[in-house]
Amino acid sequence: MRNDTSPGRAPGSRKRPALLWLLLPYVLFLAVLPLVNRVTPTVLGLPFLFFWMLVATLATPLAVRLARRADLKRGRG
């Protein structure tokens, strides 16, 4: 059992870098939105903004799965 009682950290709290995968949907949906808010070009017949939202929506479950898999590898399932 690890002792994580370093100064500034609550007992029992640990770093979980895998949770950074969960920032991906936030970045794709909100942070990048002002950059992709355009109608042209069209991709697959969709305005670029719609295409971007489709890609972000499909990437969200992938990011959650990657975060979960990394947690399972660390024994936190």
N, C-alpha and C. Protein backbone atom coordinates (compact mmCIF):
# COMPACT_ATOMS: atom_id res chain seq x y z
N MET A 1 0.84 -1.17 0.00
CA MET A 1 0.00 0.00 0.00
C MET A 1 0.88 1.23 0.00
N ARG A 2 0.51 2.21 -0.80
CA ARG A 2 1.31 3.43 -0.91
C ARG A 2 0.88 4.45 0.12
N ASN A 3 1.85 5.20 0.58
CA ASN A 3 1.56 6.26 1.53
C ASN A 3 1.64 7.59 0.79
N ASP A 4 0.47 8.18 0.51
CA ASP A 4 0.42 9.45 -0.23
C ASP A 4 0.07 10.59 0.70
N THR A 5 0.93 10.85 1.65
CA THR A 5 0.66 11.94 2.59
C THR A 5 1.68 13.06 2.40
N SER A 6 1.98 13.38 1.13
CA SER A 6 2.90 14.47 0.88
C SER A 6 2.26 15.80 1.28
N PRO A 7 3.07 16.79 1.59
CA PRO A 7 2.50 18.08 1.98
C PRO A 7 1.63 18.65 0.86
N GLY A 8 0.49 19.21 1.23
CA GLY A 8 -0.38 19.84 0.25
C GLY A 8 -1.38 18.89 -0.39
N ARG A 9 -1.31 17.62 -0.06
CA ARG A 9 -2.23 16.65 -0.63
C ARG A 9 -3.02 15.98 0.48
N ALA A 10 -4.27 15.77 0.21
CA ALA A 10 -5.12 15.11 1.20
C ALA A 10 -4.74 13.64 1.27
N PRO A 11 -4.83 13.03 2.44
CA PRO A 11 -4.53 11.60 2.55
C PRO A 11 -5.47 10.80 1.65
N GLY A 12 -4.91 9.87 0.92
CA GLY A 12 -5.71 9.03 0.04
C GLY A 12 -5.87 9.58 -1.36
N SER A 13 -5.50 10.83 -1.60
CA SER A 13 -5.62 11.36 -2.96
C SER A 13 -4.37 10.98 -3.74
N ARG A 14 -4.58 10.68 -4.97
CA ARG A 14 -3.47 10.25 -5.84
C ARG A 14 -3.59 10.94 -7.17
N LYS A 15 -2.48 11.03 -7.85
CA LYS A 15 -2.49 11.58 -9.20
C LYS A 15 -3.19 10.60 -10.12
N ARG A 16 -4.01 11.14 -11.00
CA ARG A 16 -4.70 10.30 -11.98
C ARG A 16 -4.55 10.93 -13.35
N PRO A 17 -3.37 10.78 -13.97
CA PRO A 17 -3.15 11.43 -15.27
C PRO A 17 -4.08 10.90 -16.36
N ALA A 18 -4.63 9.72 -16.18
CA ALA A 18 -5.55 9.19 -17.19
C ALA A 18 -6.79 10.05 -17.31
N LEU A 19 -7.13 10.78 -16.25
CA LEU A 19 -8.32 11.63 -16.32
C LEU A 19 -8.13 12.80 -17.27
N LEU A 20 -6.92 13.04 -17.69
CA LEU A 20 -6.70 14.09 -18.69
C LEU A 20 -7.41 13.76 -20.00
N TRP A 21 -7.65 12.48 -20.26
CA TRP A 21 -8.42 12.10 -21.45
C TRP A 21 -9.81 12.72 -21.41
N LEU A 22 -10.33 12.94 -20.21
CA LEU A 22 -11.67 13.49 -20.10
C LEU A 22 -11.72 14.98 -20.41
N LEU A 23 -10.57 15.60 -20.55
CA LEU A 23 -10.54 16.99 -21.00
C LEU A 23 -10.72 17.11 -22.51
N LEU A 24 -10.48 16.03 -23.21
CA LEU A 24 -10.59 16.05 -24.68
C LEU A 24 -11.97 16.52 -25.17
N PRO A 25 -13.07 15.98 -24.65
CA PRO A 25 -14.38 16.48 -25.13
C PRO A 25 -14.57 17.97 -24.83
N TYR A 26 -14.15 18.41 -23.65
CA TYR A 26 -14.27 19.83 -23.31
C TYR A 26 -13.51 20.69 -24.33
N VAL A 27 -12.30 20.28 -24.63
CA VAL A 27 -11.49 21.05 -25.57
C VAL A 27 -12.13 21.03 -26.96
N LEU A 28 -12.58 19.86 -27.40
CA LEU A 28 -13.17 19.76 -28.73
C LEU A 28 -14.47 20.53 -28.86
N PHE A 29 -15.30 20.52 -27.82
CA PHE A 29 -16.59 21.19 -27.91
C PHE A 29 -16.52 22.68 -27.61
N LEU A 30 -15.75 23.08 -26.62
CA LEU A 30 -15.82 24.47 -26.18
C LEU A 30 -14.59 25.30 -26.52
N ALA A 31 -13.42 24.81 -26.18
CA ALA A 31 -12.22 25.63 -26.32
C ALA A 31 -11.89 25.93 -27.79
N VAL A 32 -12.15 24.97 -28.67
CA VAL A 32 -11.78 25.14 -30.07
C VAL A 32 -12.94 25.71 -30.89
N LEU A 33 -14.10 25.79 -30.30
CA LEU A 33 -15.28 26.22 -31.04
C LEU A 33 -15.12 27.56 -31.76
N PRO A 34 -14.55 28.58 -31.15
CA PRO A 34 -14.40 29.84 -31.90
C PRO A 34 -13.51 29.69 -33.14
N LEU A 35 -12.61 28.73 -33.13
CA LEU A 35 -11.73 28.54 -34.29
C LEU A 35 -12.41 27.80 -35.44
N VAL A 36 -13.39 26.97 -35.13
CA VAL A 36 -14.02 26.15 -36.16
C VAL A 36 -15.41 26.66 -36.53
N ASN A 37 -15.83 27.78 -35.98
CA ASN A 37 -17.16 28.31 -36.24
C ASN A 37 -17.20 28.97 -37.62
N ARG A 38 -17.36 28.14 -38.63
CA ARG A 38 -17.43 28.63 -40.01
C ARG A 38 -18.29 27.68 -40.84
N VAL A 39 -18.83 28.18 -41.89
CA VAL A 39 -19.68 27.38 -42.75
C VAL A 39 -18.86 26.73 -43.84
N THR A 40 -17.90 27.45 -44.38
CA THR A 40 -17.04 26.89 -45.43
C THR A 40 -15.71 26.54 -44.81
N PRO A 41 -15.04 25.55 -45.19
CA PRO A 41 -15.35 24.60 -46.25
C PRO A 41 -16.39 23.58 -45.81
N THR A 42 -16.89 22.85 -46.79
CA THR A 42 -17.81 21.75 -46.46
C THR A 42 -17.01 20.45 -46.48
N VAL A 43 -17.31 19.59 -45.54
CA VAL A 43 -16.65 18.29 -45.45
C VAL A 43 -17.73 17.23 -45.49
N LEU A 44 -17.64 16.33 -46.44
CA LEU A 44 -18.65 15.29 -46.63
C LEU A 44 -20.05 15.88 -46.81
N GLY A 45 -20.12 17.04 -47.42
CA GLY A 45 -21.39 17.70 -47.66
C GLY A 45 -21.96 18.44 -46.46
N LEU A 46 -21.22 18.47 -45.36
CA LEU A 46 -21.67 19.17 -44.15
C LEU A 46 -20.88 20.45 -43.98
N PRO A 47 -21.51 21.49 -43.46
CA PRO A 47 -20.72 22.67 -43.08
C PRO A 47 -19.66 22.27 -42.06
N PHE A 48 -18.55 22.96 -42.07
CA PHE A 48 -17.42 22.57 -41.25
C PHE A 48 -17.77 22.47 -39.77
N LEU A 49 -18.59 23.40 -39.26
CA LEU A 49 -18.96 23.37 -37.84
C LEU A 49 -19.74 22.10 -37.51
N PHE A 50 -20.67 21.68 -38.37
CA PHE A 50 -21.42 20.45 -38.12
C PHE A 50 -20.51 19.24 -38.15
N PHE A 51 -19.60 19.22 -39.11
CA PHE A 51 -18.64 18.13 -39.19
C PHE A 51 -17.78 18.07 -37.93
N TRP A 52 -17.34 19.23 -37.45
CA TRP A 52 -16.52 19.28 -36.24
C TRP A 52 -17.29 18.73 -35.04
N MET A 53 -18.55 19.12 -34.90
CA MET A 53 -19.37 18.63 -33.80
C MET A 53 -19.58 17.12 -33.89
N LEU A 54 -19.73 16.61 -35.09
CA LEU A 54 -19.86 15.16 -35.28
C LEU A 54 -18.59 14.45 -34.83
N VAL A 55 -17.44 14.96 -35.23
CA VAL A 55 -16.17 14.36 -34.82
C VAL A 55 -16.00 14.43 -33.31
N ALA A 56 -16.33 15.56 -32.71
CA ALA A 56 -16.21 15.71 -31.25
C ALA A 56 -17.15 14.76 -30.52
N THR A 57 -18.35 14.58 -31.05
CA THR A 57 -19.31 13.67 -30.42
C THR A 57 -18.83 12.23 -30.50
N LEU A 58 -18.24 11.85 -31.62
CA LEU A 58 -17.72 10.49 -31.75
C LEU A 58 -16.45 10.28 -30.94
N ALA A 59 -15.68 11.33 -30.69
CA ALA A 59 -14.44 11.21 -29.92
C ALA A 59 -14.70 11.13 -28.42
N THR A 60 -15.85 11.59 -27.95
CA THR A 60 -16.13 11.61 -26.52
C THR A 60 -16.15 10.21 -25.91
N PRO A 61 -16.90 9.24 -26.46
CA PRO A 61 -16.85 7.90 -25.87
C PRO A 61 -15.46 7.27 -25.94
N LEU A 62 -14.72 7.60 -26.97
CA LEU A 62 -13.35 7.10 -27.08
C LEU A 62 -12.48 7.63 -25.94
N ALA A 63 -12.62 8.89 -25.63
CA ALA A 63 -11.84 9.49 -24.54
C ALA A 63 -12.23 8.88 -23.19
N VAL A 64 -13.52 8.65 -23.00
CA VAL A 64 -13.97 8.04 -21.74
C VAL A 64 -13.43 6.62 -21.63
N ARG A 65 -13.45 5.89 -22.74
CA ARG A 65 -12.93 4.51 -22.73
C ARG A 65 -11.43 4.49 -22.43
N LEU A 66 -10.69 5.41 -23.01
CA LEU A 66 -9.25 5.46 -22.75
C LEU A 66 -8.95 5.79 -21.28
N ALA A 67 -9.73 6.70 -20.72
CA ALA A 67 -9.55 7.03 -19.30
C ALA A 67 -9.89 5.83 -18.42
N ARG A 68 -10.95 5.14 -18.75
CA ARG A 68 -11.34 3.96 -17.96
C ARG A 68 -10.30 2.86 -18.07
N ARG A 69 -9.81 2.62 -19.29
CA ARG A 69 -8.81 1.56 -19.47
C ARG A 69 -7.54 1.87 -18.69
N ALA A 70 -7.13 3.12 -18.68
CA ALA A 70 -5.93 3.50 -17.93
C ALA A 70 -6.16 3.33 -16.43
N ASP A 71 -7.35 3.65 -15.95
CA ASP A 71 -7.66 3.44 -14.54
C ASP A 71 -7.67 1.95 -14.19
N LEU A 72 -8.21 1.13 -15.07
CA LEU A 72 -8.22 -0.30 -14.82
C LEU A 72 -6.81 -0.88 -14.77
N LYS A 73 -5.93 -0.36 -15.63
CA LYS A 73 -4.54 -0.83 -15.62
C LYS A 73 -3.85 -0.49 -14.30
N ARG A 74 -4.25 0.61 -13.69
CA ARG A 74 -3.66 1.01 -12.42
C ARG A 74 -4.37 0.36 -11.23
N GLY A 75 -5.37 -0.47 -11.51
CA GLY A 75 -6.07 -1.19 -10.45
C GLY A 75 -7.10 -0.36 -9.72
N ARG A 76 -7.76 0.52 -10.44
CA ARG A 76 -8.77 1.38 -9.81
C ARG A 76 -10.16 1.10 -10.37
N GLY A 77 -10.41 -0.07 -10.87
CA GLY A 77 -11.68 -0.37 -11.50
C GLY A 77 -12.78 -0.43 -10.56
